[in-house]
Amino acid sequence: MKRGKLVVVSSIVFAVMIGFTISASAQEEPVIPDWIKTAVTFWVQDQISDLEFINIIQYFVENEIIILPSSDDRIIENLQIFQSELNEKIQQSQALRNNAQIQQTIKESNKEFSENPNFNSLIENRESEWVSTEKNQIIPLMYDLMQNDAAKILQAIVEQDQKSDSLFTYAEIFVTNSYGVNVAMTGKTSDYIQNDEVWWTEAQQNGIYLEEGVFDESAGVYASDIALKIVDDKGNFIGVMKAVINVEQLITTDK
């Protein structure tokens, strides 16, 4: 069971239950119906898919078994939009990881570390300086990783998306090398080292990792994360890309 799914449950189901009225018992003391308890349990335990869970809620709304205020009704609509936009962003991220300039930047970084016998000490020293930096401070290493050619490509994608009609836009995108450290990023991340994170190891091992509805510290928003394994033209592992998607529209419905 993903930790992110529990956060989505707490935000979505809480919002639904705050506003609903069961038509069969409108005059009685409100209770949580068994079908909600069962549906949530099945969804959290991955016994039904996200789409099946959405369809269950939507069925009861459309048949007026549940009557929702307009703000809560929008949650259902936003969930459907989110699913569609998430699929689009996965496809876009899969294409982006194969970008020639991004791959070149990663390969150059991997070569630099492979030729340095003291790369572990270098990484540890950079991480120490990185995490001790004030929140609004940018050190030269961070600046370089936000200004290289690969970072400019990532920034262009994020800026274009944020200007679009998308409800769920990229909050940030960054790329690591095979050593698990940042090589290009659209903004300052919380850490320099990423290979101690679940999303990084899962993407490396399985090719893709998705996490839904957790607070992203570096992006400063509730986010759904897409992490993808990056390989070269021979299929060799060279790094990982992470795209962070702002999902606060699932939580805040008064915008």
Protein backbone atom coordinates (compact mmCIF):
# COMPACT_ATOMS: atom_id res chain seq x y z
CA MET A 1 0.00 0.00 0.00
CA LYS A 2 1.45 3.36 -1.03
CA ARG A 3 1.77 6.11 1.58
CA GLY A 4 0.56 8.57 -1.03
CA LYS A 5 -2.71 6.72 -1.50
CA LEU A 6 -3.50 7.15 2.19
CA VAL A 7 -3.03 10.90 1.84
CA VAL A 8 -5.37 10.95 -1.15
CA VAL A 9 -7.94 9.02 0.90
CA SER A 10 -7.71 11.54 3.73
CA SER A 11 -8.18 14.50 1.39
CA ILE A 12 -10.75 13.14 -1.07
CA VAL A 13 -12.91 10.91 1.08
CA PHE A 14 -12.95 13.43 3.92
CA ALA A 15 -14.11 16.13 1.50
CA VAL A 16 -16.79 13.83 0.09
CA MET A 17 -18.13 12.78 3.47
CA ILE A 18 -18.19 16.32 4.84
CA GLY A 19 -20.78 17.39 2.29
CA PHE A 20 -22.84 14.34 1.41
CA THR A 21 -26.42 13.56 2.37
CA ILE A 22 -27.80 10.04 2.04
CA SER A 23 -31.17 10.51 0.37
CA ALA A 24 -32.70 7.50 2.15
CA SER A 25 -31.89 8.88 5.59
CA ALA A 26 -31.81 12.64 5.18
CA GLN A 27 -33.58 13.21 8.48
CA GLU A 28 -31.50 10.78 10.50
CA GLU A 29 -28.24 11.26 12.30
CA PRO A 30 -25.43 11.12 9.70
CA VAL A 31 -23.48 7.89 9.55
CA ILE A 32 -20.75 6.67 7.22
CA PRO A 33 -22.33 4.07 4.93
CA ASP A 34 -20.78 0.60 4.74
CA TRP A 35 -20.28 0.92 0.98
CA ILE A 36 -17.92 3.88 1.52
CA LYS A 37 -15.94 1.95 4.13
CA THR A 38 -15.73 -1.08 1.83
CA ALA A 39 -14.82 0.90 -1.29
CA VAL A 40 -12.09 2.85 0.51
CA THR A 41 -10.67 -0.32 2.05
CA PHE A 42 -10.56 -2.10 -1.31
CA TRP A 43 -8.96 0.94 -2.98
CA VAL A 44 -6.29 1.48 -0.30
CA GLN A 45 -5.40 -2.23 -0.42
CA ASP A 46 -5.15 -2.08 -4.24
CA GLN A 47 -8.00 -4.58 -4.67
CA ILE A 48 -9.68 -2.12 -7.04
CA SER A 49 -8.06 0.40 -9.38
CA ASP A 50 -8.15 4.18 -9.06
CA LEU A 51 -10.58 4.34 -11.98
CA GLU A 52 -12.92 1.75 -10.41
CA PHE A 53 -12.92 3.72 -7.15
CA ILE A 54 -13.75 6.95 -9.00
CA ASN A 55 -16.53 5.18 -10.90
CA ILE A 56 -18.07 3.89 -7.66
CA ILE A 57 -18.22 7.41 -6.19
CA GLN A 58 -19.49 8.84 -9.46
CA TYR A 59 -22.24 6.21 -9.78
CA PHE A 60 -23.71 7.14 -6.41
CA VAL A 61 -23.46 10.84 -7.21
CA GLU A 62 -25.14 10.49 -10.62
CA ASN A 63 -27.97 8.38 -9.14
CA GLU A 64 -28.40 10.87 -6.27
CA ILE A 65 -27.69 8.26 -3.65
CA ILE A 66 -25.12 10.80 -2.57
CA ILE A 67 -25.91 14.50 -2.99
CA LEU A 68 -22.80 16.64 -3.03
CA PRO A 69 -22.36 20.39 -2.81
CA SER A 70 -20.90 21.83 -6.02
CA SER A 71 -17.41 22.15 -4.53
CA ASP A 72 -17.31 18.47 -3.59
CA ASP A 73 -18.85 17.46 -6.89
CA ARG A 74 -15.89 19.12 -8.53
CA ILE A 75 -13.58 16.71 -6.72
CA ILE A 76 -14.95 13.86 -8.84
CA GLU A 77 -14.48 15.84 -12.02
CA ASN A 78 -10.95 16.83 -11.01
CA LEU A 79 -10.05 13.22 -10.29
CA GLN A 80 -11.03 12.25 -13.82
CA ILE A 81 -9.09 15.16 -15.28
CA PHE A 82 -6.12 14.24 -13.12
CA GLN A 83 -6.08 10.67 -14.37
CA SER A 84 -6.09 11.87 -17.97
CA GLU A 85 -3.42 14.51 -17.42
CA LEU A 86 -1.25 12.12 -15.41
CA ASN A 87 -1.25 9.67 -18.32
CA GLU A 88 -0.27 12.48 -20.69
CA LYS A 89 2.58 13.58 -18.43
CA ILE A 90 3.88 10.03 -18.12
CA GLN A 91 4.07 9.83 -21.91
CA GLN A 92 5.71 13.26 -22.10
CA SER A 93 8.26 12.32 -19.43
CA GLN A 94 9.06 9.08 -21.23
CA ALA A 95 9.87 11.07 -24.37
CA LEU A 96 11.81 13.69 -22.41
CA ARG A 97 14.16 11.16 -20.82
CA ASN A 98 15.32 10.19 -24.32
CA ASN A 99 16.17 13.78 -25.29
CA ALA A 100 19.67 13.84 -26.77
CA GLN A 101 20.88 16.82 -24.74
CA ILE A 102 19.56 15.42 -21.47
CA GLN A 103 21.20 12.08 -22.15
CA GLN A 104 24.46 13.80 -23.07
CA THR A 105 24.47 15.80 -19.83
CA ILE A 106 23.91 12.62 -17.82
CA LYS A 107 26.66 10.71 -19.64
CA GLU A 108 29.15 13.53 -19.10
CA SER A 109 28.33 13.57 -15.39
CA ASN A 110 28.68 9.79 -15.11
CA LYS A 111 32.06 9.98 -16.87
CA GLU A 112 33.22 12.70 -14.48
CA PHE A 113 32.38 10.59 -11.44
CA SER A 114 33.74 7.37 -12.90
CA GLU A 115 37.13 9.03 -13.46
CA ASN A 116 37.29 10.38 -9.91
CA PRO A 117 38.60 7.77 -7.42
CA ASN A 118 37.31 9.91 -4.56
CA PHE A 119 33.80 10.37 -5.94
CA ASN A 120 32.19 9.16 -2.70
CA SER A 121 33.88 11.91 -0.71
CA LEU A 122 32.97 14.44 -3.38
CA ILE A 123 29.31 13.44 -3.22
CA GLU A 124 29.24 13.50 0.58
CA ASN A 125 30.87 16.95 0.71
CA ARG A 126 28.42 18.33 -1.84
CA GLU A 127 25.46 16.86 0.03
CA SER A 128 26.67 18.36 3.30
CA GLU A 129 27.01 21.82 1.78
CA TRP A 130 23.68 21.44 -0.05
CA VAL A 131 21.51 20.54 2.95
CA SER A 132 23.17 23.13 5.20
CA THR A 133 22.30 25.92 2.78
CA GLU A 134 19.54 28.33 3.77
CA LYS A 135 16.19 27.71 2.05
CA ASN A 136 16.38 30.79 -0.17
CA GLN A 137 20.11 30.55 -0.82
CA ILE A 138 21.55 29.19 -4.07
CA ILE A 139 25.14 27.95 -4.00
CA PRO A 140 27.24 27.76 -7.20
CA LEU A 141 26.62 24.01 -7.63
CA MET A 142 22.86 24.51 -7.52
CA TYR A 143 23.09 27.40 -9.96
CA ASP A 144 25.11 25.30 -12.43
CA LEU A 145 22.56 22.46 -12.27
CA MET A 146 19.73 24.90 -12.95
CA GLN A 147 21.51 26.63 -15.83
CA ASN A 148 23.05 23.83 -17.90
CA ASP A 149 21.60 22.91 -21.29
CA ALA A 150 19.60 19.97 -19.94
CA ALA A 151 18.08 22.12 -17.19
CA LYS A 152 16.98 24.72 -19.75
CA ILE A 153 15.08 22.03 -21.64
CA LEU A 154 13.36 20.92 -18.44
CA GLN A 155 12.55 24.52 -17.51
CA ALA A 156 10.99 25.16 -20.92
CA ILE A 157 8.69 22.15 -20.44
CA VAL A 158 7.64 23.28 -16.96
CA GLU A 159 7.06 26.90 -18.01
CA GLN A 160 5.02 25.88 -21.04
CA ASP A 161 2.90 23.53 -18.92
CA GLN A 162 2.29 26.15 -16.23
CA LYS A 163 1.03 28.56 -18.87
CA SER A 164 -1.34 25.96 -20.31
CA ASP A 165 -4.93 25.12 -19.34
CA SER A 166 -3.77 22.09 -17.39
CA LEU A 167 -5.22 21.77 -13.87
CA PHE A 168 -2.30 19.63 -12.73
CA THR A 169 0.92 21.28 -13.87
CA TYR A 170 4.54 20.34 -13.34
CA ALA A 171 5.91 21.82 -10.11
CA GLU A 172 9.44 20.73 -10.96
CA ILE A 173 11.46 18.22 -12.97
CA PHE A 174 14.97 17.06 -12.24
CA VAL A 175 17.38 14.40 -13.44
CA THR A 176 20.06 12.38 -11.67
CA ASN A 177 22.99 10.39 -12.98
CA SER A 178 23.64 6.71 -12.25
CA TYR A 179 25.38 7.70 -9.00
CA GLY A 180 22.08 9.07 -7.76
CA VAL A 181 22.93 12.77 -7.61
CA ASN A 182 21.37 15.72 -9.42
CA VAL A 183 22.71 16.70 -12.82
CA ALA A 184 19.92 19.02 -14.06
CA MET A 185 16.92 20.58 -12.29
CA THR A 186 14.29 23.25 -12.73
CA GLY A 187 14.59 24.44 -9.13
CA LYS A 188 16.43 23.80 -5.89
CA THR A 189 15.74 20.35 -4.48
CA SER A 190 15.88 19.44 -0.79
CA ASP A 191 18.88 17.16 -1.29
CA TYR A 192 21.73 16.62 -3.71
CA ILE A 193 21.74 12.85 -3.19
CA GLN A 194 18.60 11.09 -4.43
CA ASN A 195 19.49 7.39 -4.54
CA ASP A 196 18.45 6.92 -0.91
CA GLU A 197 14.86 7.73 -1.84
CA VAL A 198 12.23 5.04 -2.52
CA TRP A 199 11.17 6.63 -5.81
CA TRP A 200 14.75 6.51 -7.09
CA THR A 201 15.45 2.86 -6.24
CA GLU A 202 12.01 1.74 -7.45
CA ALA A 203 12.45 3.54 -10.78
CA GLN A 204 15.93 2.09 -11.20
CA GLN A 205 14.72 -1.45 -10.52
CA ASN A 206 11.27 -1.37 -12.16
CA GLY A 207 11.51 1.34 -14.80
CA ILE A 208 8.78 3.57 -13.39
CA TYR A 209 7.49 4.65 -10.00
CA LEU A 210 4.35 6.67 -9.25
CA GLU A 211 3.49 8.27 -5.94
CA GLU A 212 0.24 10.14 -5.37
CA GLY A 213 -0.79 12.94 -3.07
CA VAL A 214 2.20 13.56 -0.79
CA PHE A 215 3.65 16.91 0.23
CA ASP A 216 6.79 17.59 -1.78
CA GLU A 217 9.21 19.57 0.35
CA SER A 218 11.35 20.99 -2.43
CA ALA A 219 8.41 21.95 -4.66
CA GLY A 220 6.35 23.15 -1.67
CA VAL A 221 3.10 21.59 -2.92
CA TYR A 222 1.03 18.42 -2.59
CA ALA A 223 2.25 16.42 -5.52
CA SER A 224 2.03 13.26 -7.54
CA ASP A 225 5.47 12.08 -8.57
CA ILE A 226 6.55 10.33 -11.74
CA ALA A 227 10.00 8.72 -11.58
CA LEU A 228 11.45 7.07 -14.68
CA LYS A 229 14.54 5.00 -15.30
CA ILE A 230 16.82 6.47 -17.99
CA VAL A 231 18.84 4.18 -20.24
CA ASP A 232 21.19 4.88 -23.14
CA ASP A 233 20.75 3.60 -26.70
CA LYS A 234 22.28 0.27 -25.65
CA GLY A 235 19.89 -0.20 -22.75
CA ASN A 236 22.43 0.62 -20.04
CA PHE A 237 21.17 2.39 -16.93
CA ILE A 238 22.46 5.97 -16.78
CA GLY A 239 20.11 7.82 -14.46
CA VAL A 240 16.61 8.65 -13.20
CA MET A 241 14.19 11.46 -14.00
CA LYS A 242 11.60 12.74 -11.54
CA ALA A 243 8.63 14.89 -12.54
CA VAL A 244 6.63 16.45 -9.70
CA ILE A 245 2.99 17.30 -10.52
CA ASN A 246 1.01 19.78 -8.44
CA VAL A 247 -2.22 18.06 -7.31
CA GLU A 248 -3.53 20.69 -4.91
CA GLN A 249 -6.68 21.02 -7.05
CA LEU A 250 -7.67 17.65 -5.57
CA ILE A 251 -7.52 19.15 -2.09
CA THR A 252 -8.49 22.79 -2.61
CA THR A 253 -11.81 23.08 -4.42
CA ASP A 254 -12.59 26.76 -3.90
CA LYS A 255 -10.24 28.05 -6.60
